[in-house]
Structure formats: C-alpha cells, structure tokens
C-alpha cells in the first residue's frame, strides 16, 4: 500500500496545471490559421518516411 501511495504522489507531482484545454487549442488554431486543426495537423511530426529513411520536409523533421 505504501508503494502504491508513493507512486501516486510521484505521478501527481509531475502534473503541471494549465489553463485551457485541447478544445481551446483547437479553436485558437482555427481562428488564427483558418484551417481545421485536426485534419491539417494530425499527421505533423517527423515525415522522414518509414523508419526515418526519407528526406526531411522541414527543419523540425528528423
């Protein structure tokens, strides 16, 4: 029981309180860019191809 409590406290200590949420982010991106956030950005990330073997598309890739 003590181990479970300790683990729970460690997890709670790592939680950073923030204001807003994913729906607020969605609304902000739509207002600023005019794009549907999920459809436009869900695949964003490293696009170097399968296994990281392709060419980077921008500076944030690979």
PDB file of N, CA and C in Angstrom:
ATOM      1  N   UNK A   1       0.828  -1.197   0.000  1.00  0.00           N
ATOM      2  CA  UNK A   1       0.000   0.000   0.000  1.00  0.00           C
ATOM      3  C   UNK A   1       0.869   1.256   0.000  1.00  0.00           C
ATOM      4  N   UNK A   2       1.951   1.249   0.764  1.00  0.00           N
ATOM      5  CA  UNK A   2       2.817   2.417   0.823  1.00  0.00           C
ATOM      6  C   UNK A   2       3.478   2.680  -0.525  1.00  0.00           C
ATOM      7  N   UNK A   3       3.848   1.610  -1.227  1.00  0.00           N
ATOM      8  CA  UNK A   3       4.458   1.764  -2.542  1.00  0.00           C
ATOM      9  C   UNK A   3       3.465   2.386  -3.523  1.00  0.00           C
ATOM     10  N   UNK A   4       2.219   1.947  -3.475  1.00  0.00           N
ATOM     11  CA  UNK A   4       1.190   2.500  -4.355  1.00  0.00           C
ATOM     12  C   UNK A   4       0.968   3.984  -4.054  1.00  0.00           C
ATOM     13  N   UNK A   5       0.956   4.335  -2.782  1.00  0.00           N
ATOM     14  CA  UNK A   5       0.782   5.732  -2.388  1.00  0.00           C
ATOM     15  C   UNK A   5       1.959   6.574  -2.863  1.00  0.00           C
ATOM     16  N   UNK A   6       3.163   6.067  -2.695  1.00  0.00           N
ATOM     17  CA  UNK A   6       4.356   6.776  -3.144  1.00  0.00           C
ATOM     18  C   UNK A   6       4.322   6.987  -4.656  1.00  0.00           C
ATOM     19  N   UNK A   7       3.972   5.945  -5.388  1.00  0.00           N
ATOM     20  CA  UNK A   7       3.881   6.061  -6.850  1.00  0.00           C
ATOM     21  C   UNK A   7       2.827   7.084  -7.249  1.00  0.00           C
ATOM     22  N   UNK A   8       1.698   7.062  -6.566  1.00  0.00           N
ATOM     23  CA  UNK A   8       0.638   8.024  -6.853  1.00  0.00           C
ATOM     24  C   UNK A   8       1.081   9.455  -6.603  1.00  0.00           C
ATOM     25  N   UNK A   9       1.790   9.677  -5.510  1.00  0.00           N
ATOM     26  CA  UNK A   9       2.290  11.018  -5.200  1.00  0.00           C
ATOM     27  C   UNK A   9       3.318  11.481  -6.226  1.00  0.00           C
ATOM     28  N   UNK A  10       4.155  10.568  -6.673  1.00  0.00           N
ATOM     29  CA  UNK A  10       5.159  10.926  -7.677  1.00  0.00           C
ATOM     30  C   UNK A  10       4.493  11.309  -8.999  1.00  0.00           C
ATOM     31  N   UNK A  11       3.452  10.585  -9.367  1.00  0.00           N
ATOM     32  CA  UNK A  11       2.725  10.905 -10.598  1.00  0.00           C
ATOM     33  C   UNK A  11       2.050  12.262 -10.465  1.00  0.00           C
ATOM     34  N   UNK A  12       1.403  12.515  -9.335  1.00  0.00           N
ATOM     35  CA  UNK A  12       0.706  13.783  -9.119  1.00  0.00           C
ATOM     36  C   UNK A  12       1.683  14.959  -9.100  1.00  0.00           C
ATOM     37  N   UNK A  13       2.876  14.759  -8.590  1.00  0.00           N
ATOM     38  CA  UNK A  13       3.871  15.829  -8.534  1.00  0.00           C
ATOM     39  C   UNK A  13       4.331  16.228  -9.926  1.00  0.00           C
ATOM     40  N   UNK A  14       4.237  15.323 -10.876  1.00  0.00           N
ATOM     41  CA  UNK A  14       4.668  15.606 -12.240  1.00  0.00           C
ATOM     42  C   UNK A  14       3.611  16.281 -13.087  1.00  0.00           C
ATOM     43  N   UNK A  15       2.397  16.422 -12.568  1.00  0.00           N
ATOM     44  CA  UNK A  15       1.313  17.044 -13.328  1.00  0.00           C
ATOM     45  C   UNK A  15       1.453  18.557 -13.242  1.00  0.00           C
ATOM     46  N   UNK A  16       1.491  19.214 -14.389  1.00  0.00           N
ATOM     47  CA  UNK A  16       1.627  20.665 -14.439  1.00  0.00           C
ATOM     48  C   UNK A  16       0.254  21.268 -14.716  1.00  0.00           C
ATOM     49  N   UNK A  17      -0.249  22.095 -13.803  1.00  0.00           N
ATOM     50  CA  UNK A  17      -1.564  22.690 -14.039  1.00  0.00           C
ATOM     51  C   UNK A  17      -1.495  23.723 -15.166  1.00  0.00           C
ATOM     52  N   UNK A  18      -2.442  23.671 -16.071  1.00  0.00           N
ATOM     53  CA  UNK A  18      -2.509  24.628 -17.172  1.00  0.00           C
ATOM     54  C   UNK A  18      -3.926  25.148 -17.285  1.00  0.00           C
ATOM     55  N   UNK A  19      -4.057  26.288 -17.909  1.00  0.00           N
ATOM     56  CA  UNK A  19      -5.383  26.825 -18.189  1.00  0.00           C
ATOM     57  C   UNK A  19      -5.722  26.487 -19.625  1.00  0.00           C
ATOM     58  N   UNK A  20      -6.972  26.218 -19.876  1.00  0.00           N
ATOM     59  CA  UNK A  20      -7.384  25.872 -21.225  1.00  0.00           C
ATOM     60  C   UNK A  20      -7.368  24.372 -21.408  1.00  0.00           C
ATOM     61  N   UNK A  21      -7.483  23.974 -22.626  1.00  0.00           N
ATOM     62  CA  UNK A  21      -7.510  22.552 -22.922  1.00  0.00           C
ATOM     63  C   UNK A  21      -7.411  22.343 -24.416  1.00  0.00           C
ATOM     64  N   UNK A  22      -7.601  21.118 -24.816  1.00  0.00           N
ATOM     65  CA  UNK A  22      -7.451  20.769 -26.219  1.00  0.00           C
ATOM     66  C   UNK A  22      -8.514  21.450 -27.084  1.00  0.00           C
ATOM     67  N   UNK A  23      -9.702  21.653 -26.544  1.00  0.00           N
ATOM     68  CA  UNK A  23     -10.744  22.325 -27.325  1.00  0.00           C
ATOM     69  C   UNK A  23     -10.412  23.802 -27.523  1.00  0.00           C
ATOM     70  N   UNK A  24      -9.805  24.420 -26.504  1.00  0.00           N
ATOM     71  CA  UNK A  24      -9.380  25.811 -26.648  1.00  0.00           C
ATOM     72  C   UNK A  24      -8.271  25.923 -27.692  1.00  0.00           C
ATOM     73  N   UNK A  25      -7.345  24.980 -27.685  1.00  0.00           N
ATOM     74  CA  UNK A  25      -6.269  24.969 -28.674  1.00  0.00           C
ATOM     75  C   UNK A  25      -6.847  24.793 -30.073  1.00  0.00           C
ATOM     76  N   UNK A  26      -7.814  23.905 -30.205  1.00  0.00           N
ATOM     77  CA  UNK A  26      -8.476  23.667 -31.481  1.00  0.00           C
ATOM     78  C   UNK A  26      -9.111  24.959 -32.013  1.00  0.00           C
ATOM     79  N   UNK A  27      -9.823  25.654 -31.142  1.00  0.00           N
ATOM     80  CA  UNK A  27     -10.497  26.895 -31.534  1.00  0.00           C
ATOM     81  C   UNK A  27      -9.481  27.972 -31.926  1.00  0.00           C
ATOM     82  N   UNK A  28      -8.401  28.099 -31.151  1.00  0.00           N
ATOM     83  CA  UNK A  28      -7.389  29.106 -31.433  1.00  0.00           C
ATOM     84  C   UNK A  28      -6.724  28.856 -32.786  1.00  0.00           C
ATOM     85  N   UNK A  29      -6.344  27.604 -33.051  1.00  0.00           N
ATOM     86  CA  UNK A  29      -5.691  27.283 -34.319  1.00  0.00           C
ATOM     87  C   UNK A  29      -6.624  27.581 -35.482  1.00  0.00           C
ATOM     88  N   UNK A  30      -7.902  27.248 -35.338  1.00  0.00           N
ATOM     89  CA  UNK A  30      -8.870  27.504 -36.409  1.00  0.00           C
ATOM     90  C   UNK A  30      -9.026  29.004 -36.655  1.00  0.00           C
ATOM     91  N   UNK A  31      -9.079  29.798 -35.586  1.00  0.00           N
ATOM     92  CA  UNK A  31      -9.231  31.245 -35.741  1.00  0.00           C
ATOM     93  C   UNK A  31      -7.991  31.880 -36.362  1.00  0.00           C
ATOM     94  N   UNK A  32      -6.818  31.444 -35.965  1.00  0.00           N
ATOM     95  CA  UNK A  32      -5.577  32.054 -36.435  1.00  0.00           C
ATOM     96  C   UNK A  32      -5.216  31.621 -37.850  1.00  0.00           C
ATOM     97  N   UNK A  33      -5.374  30.331 -38.143  1.00  0.00           N
ATOM     98  CA  UNK A  33      -4.933  29.818 -39.442  1.00  0.00           C
ATOM     99  C   UNK A  33      -6.052  29.649 -40.453  1.00  0.00           C
ATOM    100  N   UNK A  34      -7.288  29.557 -39.967  1.00  0.00           N
ATOM    101  CA  UNK A  34      -8.413  29.308 -40.859  1.00  0.00           C
ATOM    102  C   UNK A  34      -8.518  27.849 -41.288  1.00  0.00           C
ATOM    103  N   UNK A  35      -7.665  26.992 -40.734  1.00  0.00           N
ATOM    104  CA  UNK A  35      -7.661  25.572 -41.089  1.00  0.00           C
ATOM    105  C   UNK A  35      -8.353  24.752 -40.002  1.00  0.00           C
ATOM    106  N   UNK A  36      -8.849  23.590 -40.387  1.00  0.00           N
ATOM    107  CA  UNK A  36      -9.390  22.656 -39.413  1.00  0.00           C
ATOM    108  C   UNK A  36      -8.202  21.959 -38.757  1.00  0.00           C
ATOM    109  N   UNK A  37      -7.954  22.229 -37.478  1.00  0.00           N
ATOM    110  CA  UNK A  37      -6.740  21.748 -36.826  1.00  0.00           C
ATOM    111  C   UNK A  37      -6.500  20.246 -36.938  1.00  0.00           C
ATOM    112  N   UNK A  38      -7.484  19.442 -36.626  1.00  0.00           N
ATOM    113  CA  UNK A  38      -7.244  18.001 -36.634  1.00  0.00           C
ATOM    114  C   UNK A  38      -6.881  17.509 -38.024  1.00  0.00           C
ATOM    115  N   UNK A  39      -7.636  17.930 -39.012  1.00  0.00           N
ATOM    116  CA  UNK A  39      -7.390  17.456 -40.371  1.00  0.00           C
ATOM    117  C   UNK A  39      -6.080  17.999 -40.942  1.00  0.00           C
ATOM    118  N   UNK A  40      -5.706  19.201 -40.534  1.00  0.00           N
ATOM    119  CA  UNK A  40      -4.500  19.824 -41.082  1.00  0.00           C
ATOM    120  C   UNK A  40      -3.218  19.415 -40.364  1.00  0.00           C
ATOM    121  N   UNK A  41      -3.307  19.126 -39.074  1.00  0.00           N
ATOM    122  CA  UNK A  41      -2.087  18.938 -38.293  1.00  0.00           C
ATOM    123  C   UNK A  41      -1.928  17.571 -37.635  1.00  0.00           C
ATOM    124  N   UNK A  42      -2.897  16.676 -37.724  1.00  0.00           N
ATOM    125  CA  UNK A  42      -2.751  15.387 -37.029  1.00  0.00           C
ATOM    126  C   UNK A  42      -1.550  14.593 -37.520  1.00  0.00           C
ATOM    127  N   UNK A  43      -1.178  14.680 -38.796  1.00  0.00           N
ATOM    128  CA  UNK A  43      -0.027  13.880 -39.199  1.00  0.00           C
ATOM    129  C   UNK A  43       1.305  14.614 -39.015  1.00  0.00           C
ATOM    130  N   UNK A  44       1.289  15.819 -38.426  1.00  0.00           N
ATOM    131  CA  UNK A  44       2.506  16.605 -38.338  1.00  0.00           C
ATOM    132  C   UNK A  44       3.505  15.949 -37.401  1.00  0.00           C
ATOM    133  N   UNK A  45       4.735  16.010 -37.754  1.00  0.00           N
ATOM    134  CA  UNK A  45       5.806  15.432 -36.951  1.00  0.00           C
ATOM    135  C   UNK A  45       6.939  15.056 -37.864  1.00  0.00           C
ATOM    136  N   UNK A  46       7.621  14.011 -37.545  1.00  0.00           N
ATOM    137  CA  UNK A  46       8.738  13.571 -38.372  1.00  0.00           C
ATOM    138  C   UNK A  46       8.215  12.837 -39.598  1.00  0.00           C
ATOM    139  N   UNK A  47       8.429  13.402 -40.755  1.00  0.00           N
ATOM    140  CA  UNK A  47       7.961  12.804 -42.005  1.00  0.00           C
ATOM    141  C   UNK A  47       9.138  12.388 -42.862  1.00  0.00           C
ATOM    142  N   UNK A  48      10.066  11.700 -42.249  1.00  0.00           N
ATOM    143  CA  UNK A  48      11.245  11.250 -42.992  1.00  0.00           C
ATOM    144  C   UNK A  48      11.007   9.898 -43.630  1.00  0.00           C
ATOM    145  N   UNK A  49       9.767   9.456 -43.630  1.00  0.00           N
ATOM    146  CA  UNK A  49       9.455   8.174 -44.246  1.00  0.00           C
ATOM    147  C   UNK A  49       9.533   7.024 -43.259  1.00  0.00           C
ATOM    148  N   UNK A  50       9.168   5.868 -43.724  1.00  0.00           N
ATOM    149  CA  UNK A  50       9.153   4.672 -42.905  1.00  0.00           C
ATOM    150  C   UNK A  50      10.552   4.381 -42.365  1.00  0.00           C
ATOM    151  N   UNK A  51      10.648   4.305 -41.061  1.00  0.00           N
ATOM    152  CA  UNK A  51      11.944   4.028 -40.444  1.00  0.00           C
ATOM    153  C   UNK A  51      12.893   5.213 -40.454  1.00  0.00           C
ATOM    154  N   UNK A  52      12.400   6.415 -40.785  1.00  0.00           N
ATOM    155  CA  UNK A  52      13.250   7.602 -40.817  1.00  0.00           C
ATOM    156  C   UNK A  52      14.225   7.616 -41.975  1.00  0.00           C
ATOM    157  N   UNK A  53      13.871   6.960 -43.082  1.00  0.00           N
ATOM    158  CA  UNK A  53      14.805   6.836 -44.205  1.00  0.00           C
ATOM    159  C   UNK A  53      14.557   7.831 -45.331  1.00  0.00           C
ATOM    160  N   UNK A  54      13.503   8.638 -45.243  1.00  0.00           N
ATOM    161  CA  UNK A  54      13.209   9.577 -46.323  1.00  0.00           C
ATOM    162  C   UNK A  54      13.882  10.925 -46.118  1.00  0.00           C
ATOM    163  N   UNK A  55      13.564  11.869 -46.982  1.00  0.00           N
ATOM    164  CA  UNK A  55      14.117  13.222 -46.904  1.00  0.00           C
ATOM    165  C   UNK A  55      13.277  14.080 -45.957  1.00  0.00           C
ATOM    166  N   UNK A  56      13.909  14.872 -45.077  1.00  0.00           N
ATOM    167  CA  UNK A  56      13.166  15.785 -44.210  1.00  0.00           C
ATOM    168  C   UNK A  56      12.395  16.811 -45.040  1.00  0.00           C
ATOM    169  N   UNK A  57      11.188  17.157 -44.569  1.00  0.00           N
ATOM    170  CA  UNK A  57      10.383  18.149 -45.269  1.00  0.00           C
ATOM    171  C   UNK A  57      10.645  19.557 -44.747  1.00  0.00           C
ATOM    172  N   UNK A  58      11.054  19.676 -43.484  1.00  0.00           N
ATOM    173  CA  UNK A  58      11.412  20.977 -42.930  1.00  0.00           C
ATOM    174  C   UNK A  58      12.381  20.759 -41.767  1.00  0.00           C
ATOM    175  N   UNK A  59      12.755  21.848 -41.098  1.00  0.00           N
ATOM    176  CA  UNK A  59      13.773  21.777 -40.047  1.00  0.00           C
ATOM    177  C   UNK A  59      13.345  20.950 -38.843  1.00  0.00           C
ATOM    178  N   UNK A  60      12.031  20.790 -38.635  1.00  0.00           N
ATOM    179  CA  UNK A  60      11.577  20.019 -37.476  1.00  0.00           C
ATOM    180  C   UNK A  60      11.588  18.517 -37.733  1.00  0.00           C
ATOM    181  N   UNK A  61      11.780  18.113 -38.961  1.00  0.00           N
ATOM    182  CA  UNK A  61      11.802  16.693 -39.301  1.00  0.00           C
ATOM    183  C   UNK A  61      13.201  16.122 -39.120  1.00  0.00           C
ATOM    184  N   UNK A  62      13.232  14.935 -38.584  1.00  0.00           N
ATOM    185  CA  UNK A  62      14.462  14.151 -38.374  1.00  0.00           C
ATOM    186  C   UNK A  62      15.552  14.974 -37.792  1.00  0.00           C
TER     187      UNK A  62
END
